[in-house]
C-alpha atoms as a PDB file:
ATOM      1  CA  MET A   1      19.416-102.945  42.157  1.00  0.00           C
ATOM      2  CA  THR A   2      17.175-100.073  43.290  1.00  0.00           C
ATOM      3  CA  VAL A   3      15.672 -99.813  46.749  1.00  0.00           C
ATOM      4  CA  LYS A   4      12.231-100.605  45.332  1.00  0.00           C
ATOM      5  CA  GLU A   5      13.604-103.670  43.547  1.00  0.00           C
ATOM      6  CA  ARG A   6      15.231-104.853  46.780  1.00  0.00           C
ATOM      7  CA  LEU A   7      11.955-104.288  48.607  1.00  0.00           C
ATOM      8  CA  HIS A   8      10.049-106.258  45.963  1.00  0.00           C
ATOM      9  CA  THR A   9      12.520-109.146  46.284  1.00  0.00           C
ATOM     10  CA  ALA A  10      12.184-109.104  50.076  1.00  0.00           C
ATOM     11  CA  VAL A  11       8.374-109.148  49.836  1.00  0.00           C
ATOM     12  CA  GLU A  12       8.443-112.104  47.469  1.00  0.00           C
ATOM     13  CA  THR A  13      10.356-114.191  50.028  1.00  0.00           C
ATOM     14  CA  MET A  14       8.054-113.361  52.981  1.00  0.00           C
ATOM     15  CA  SER A  15       5.391-115.609  54.418  1.00  0.00           C
ATOM     16  CA  ASP A  16       1.853-114.208  54.535  1.00  0.00           C
ATOM     17  CA  GLU A  17       2.286-113.469  58.245  1.00  0.00           C
ATOM     18  CA  GLU A  18       5.546-111.598  57.647  1.00  0.00           C
ATOM     19  CA  ALA A  19       3.980-109.658  54.775  1.00  0.00           C
ATOM     20  CA  GLN A  20       1.011-108.701  56.975  1.00  0.00           C
ATOM     21  CA  ALA A  21       3.361-107.440  59.706  1.00  0.00           C
ATOM     22  CA  ALA A  22       5.415-105.492  57.148  1.00  0.00           C
ATOM     23  CA  LEU A  23       2.269-103.974  55.669  1.00  0.00           C
ATOM     24  CA  ARG A  24       1.074-102.926  59.119  1.00  0.00           C
ATOM     25  CA  THR A  25       4.453-101.343  59.839  1.00  0.00           C
ATOM     26  CA  LEU A  26       4.398 -99.429  56.555  1.00  0.00           C
ATOM     27  CA  ALA A  27       0.881 -98.184  57.244  1.00  0.00           C
ATOM     28  CA  GLU A  28       1.780 -97.054  60.738  1.00  0.00           C
ATOM     29  CA  SER A  29       4.973 -95.344  59.689  1.00  0.00           C
ATOM     30  CA  SER A  30       3.415 -93.396  56.844  1.00  0.00           C
ATOM     31  CA  GLY A  31       1.226 -91.284  59.167  1.00  0.00           C
ATOM     32  CA  ASN A  32       3.456 -89.691  61.786  1.00  0.00           C
ATOM     33  CA  PRO A  33       7.052 -90.944  61.644  1.00  0.00           C
ATOM     34  CA  VAL A  34       8.001 -89.478  65.024  1.00  0.00           C
ATOM     35  CA  ALA A  35       5.022 -91.071  66.789  1.00  0.00           C
ATOM     36  CA  TRP A  36       5.776 -94.365  65.063  1.00  0.00           C
ATOM     37  CA  MET A  37       9.413 -94.263  66.195  1.00  0.00           C
ATOM     38  CA  LEU A  38       8.378 -93.534  69.771  1.00  0.00           C
ATOM     39  CA  ASP A  39       5.784 -96.331  69.717  1.00  0.00           C
ATOM     40  CA  HIS A  40       8.406 -98.780  68.466  1.00  0.00           C
ATOM     41  CA  ALA A  41      11.388 -97.622  70.501  1.00  0.00           C
ATOM     42  CA  PRO A  42      13.096-100.311  72.565  1.00  0.00           C
ATOM     43  CA  LEU A  43      12.133-100.590  76.193  1.00  0.00           C
ATOM     44  CA  ASP A  44      14.331 -98.848  78.720  1.00  0.00           C
ATOM     45  CA  ASP A  45      16.536-101.637  80.040  1.00  0.00           C
ATOM     46  CA  GLU A  46      18.647 -99.568  82.415  1.00  0.00           C
ATOM     47  CA  PRO A  47      18.448-100.616  86.056  1.00  0.00           C
ATOM     48  CA  GLU A  48      16.125 -98.574  88.235  1.00  0.00           C
ATOM     49  CA  THR A  49      18.004 -96.270  90.615  1.00  0.00           C
ATOM     50  CA  GLU A  50      17.308 -96.003  94.324  1.00  0.00           C
ATOM     51  CA  GLY A  51      16.032 -92.446  93.785  1.00  0.00           C
ATOM     52  CA  GLU A  52      13.578 -93.676  91.146  1.00  0.00           C
ATOM     53  CA  ARG A  53      12.340 -96.425  93.480  1.00  0.00           C
ATOM     54  CA  ARG A  54      11.780 -93.869  96.258  1.00  0.00           C
ATOM     55  CA  ALA A  55       9.912 -91.523  93.901  1.00  0.00           C
ATOM     56  CA  ILE A  56       7.638 -94.339  92.730  1.00  0.00           C
ATOM     57  CA  ALA A  57       6.961 -95.456  96.298  1.00  0.00           C
ATOM     58  CA  GLU A  58       6.142 -91.844  97.251  1.00  0.00           C
ATOM     59  CA  ALA A  59       3.736 -91.515  94.322  1.00  0.00           C
ATOM     60  CA  HIS A  60       1.993 -94.770  95.286  1.00  0.00           C
ATOM     61  CA  ALA A  61       1.721 -93.598  98.908  1.00  0.00           C
ATOM     62  CA  ASP A  62       0.218 -90.283  97.758  1.00  0.00           C
ATOM     63  CA  ARG A  63      -2.378 -92.116  95.648  1.00  0.00           C
ATOM     64  CA  GLU A  64      -3.267 -94.364  98.598  1.00  0.00           C
ATOM     65  CA  ARG A  65      -3.870 -91.236 100.695  1.00  0.00           C
ATOM     66  CA  GLY A  66      -6.183 -89.914  97.980  1.00  0.00           C
ATOM     67  CA  ILE A  67      -3.782 -87.349  96.545  1.00  0.00           C
ATOM     68  CA  GLN A  68      -4.341 -87.208  92.790  1.00  0.00           C
ATOM     69  CA  PRO A  69      -1.554 -86.395  90.324  1.00  0.00           C
ATOM     70  CA  VAL A  70      -1.498 -82.921  88.798  1.00  0.00           C
ATOM     71  CA  PRO A  71      -2.368 -83.010  85.074  1.00  0.00           C
ATOM     72  CA  LEU A  72       0.416 -81.809  82.788  1.00  0.00           C
ATOM     73  CA  GLU A  73      -1.941 -79.225  81.270  1.00  0.00           C
ATOM     74  CA  SER A  74      -2.346 -77.624  84.717  1.00  0.00           C
ATOM     75  CA  VAL A  75       1.402 -77.397  85.211  1.00  0.00           C
ATOM     76  CA  ILE A  76       1.868 -75.889  81.754  1.00  0.00           C
ATOM     77  CA  ALA A  77      -0.925 -73.359  82.377  1.00  0.00           C
ATOM     78  CA  GLU A  78       0.580 -72.385  85.714  1.00  0.00           C
ATOM     79  CA  PHE A  79       4.056 -71.776  84.292  1.00  0.00           C
ATOM     80  CA  ASP A  80       3.082 -70.680  80.783  1.00  0.00           C
ATOM     81  CA  GLY A  81       3.785 -67.024  81.449  1.00  0.00           C
ATOM     82  CA  ASP A  82       7.133 -67.827  83.092  1.00  0.00           C
ATOM     83  CA  LEU A  83       8.633 -69.674  80.138  1.00  0.00           C
END
């Protein structure tokens, strides 16, 4: 049985809701496969480290004091000649 035949058989056994979800997935994956994989990657389930908790708390404290984050584009522009 070919891959397309197996796919056809699978589609025939799906409910309308399952078929709609499969169709949406196919549409999304046909555009930019890397973006699709990143969008559908599993959530990070590793425990947060103490260092990560401190960094997040520091970032929140900076925002409360009115310090805005530096846009990535600014960092890239600043170091562009050094790379």
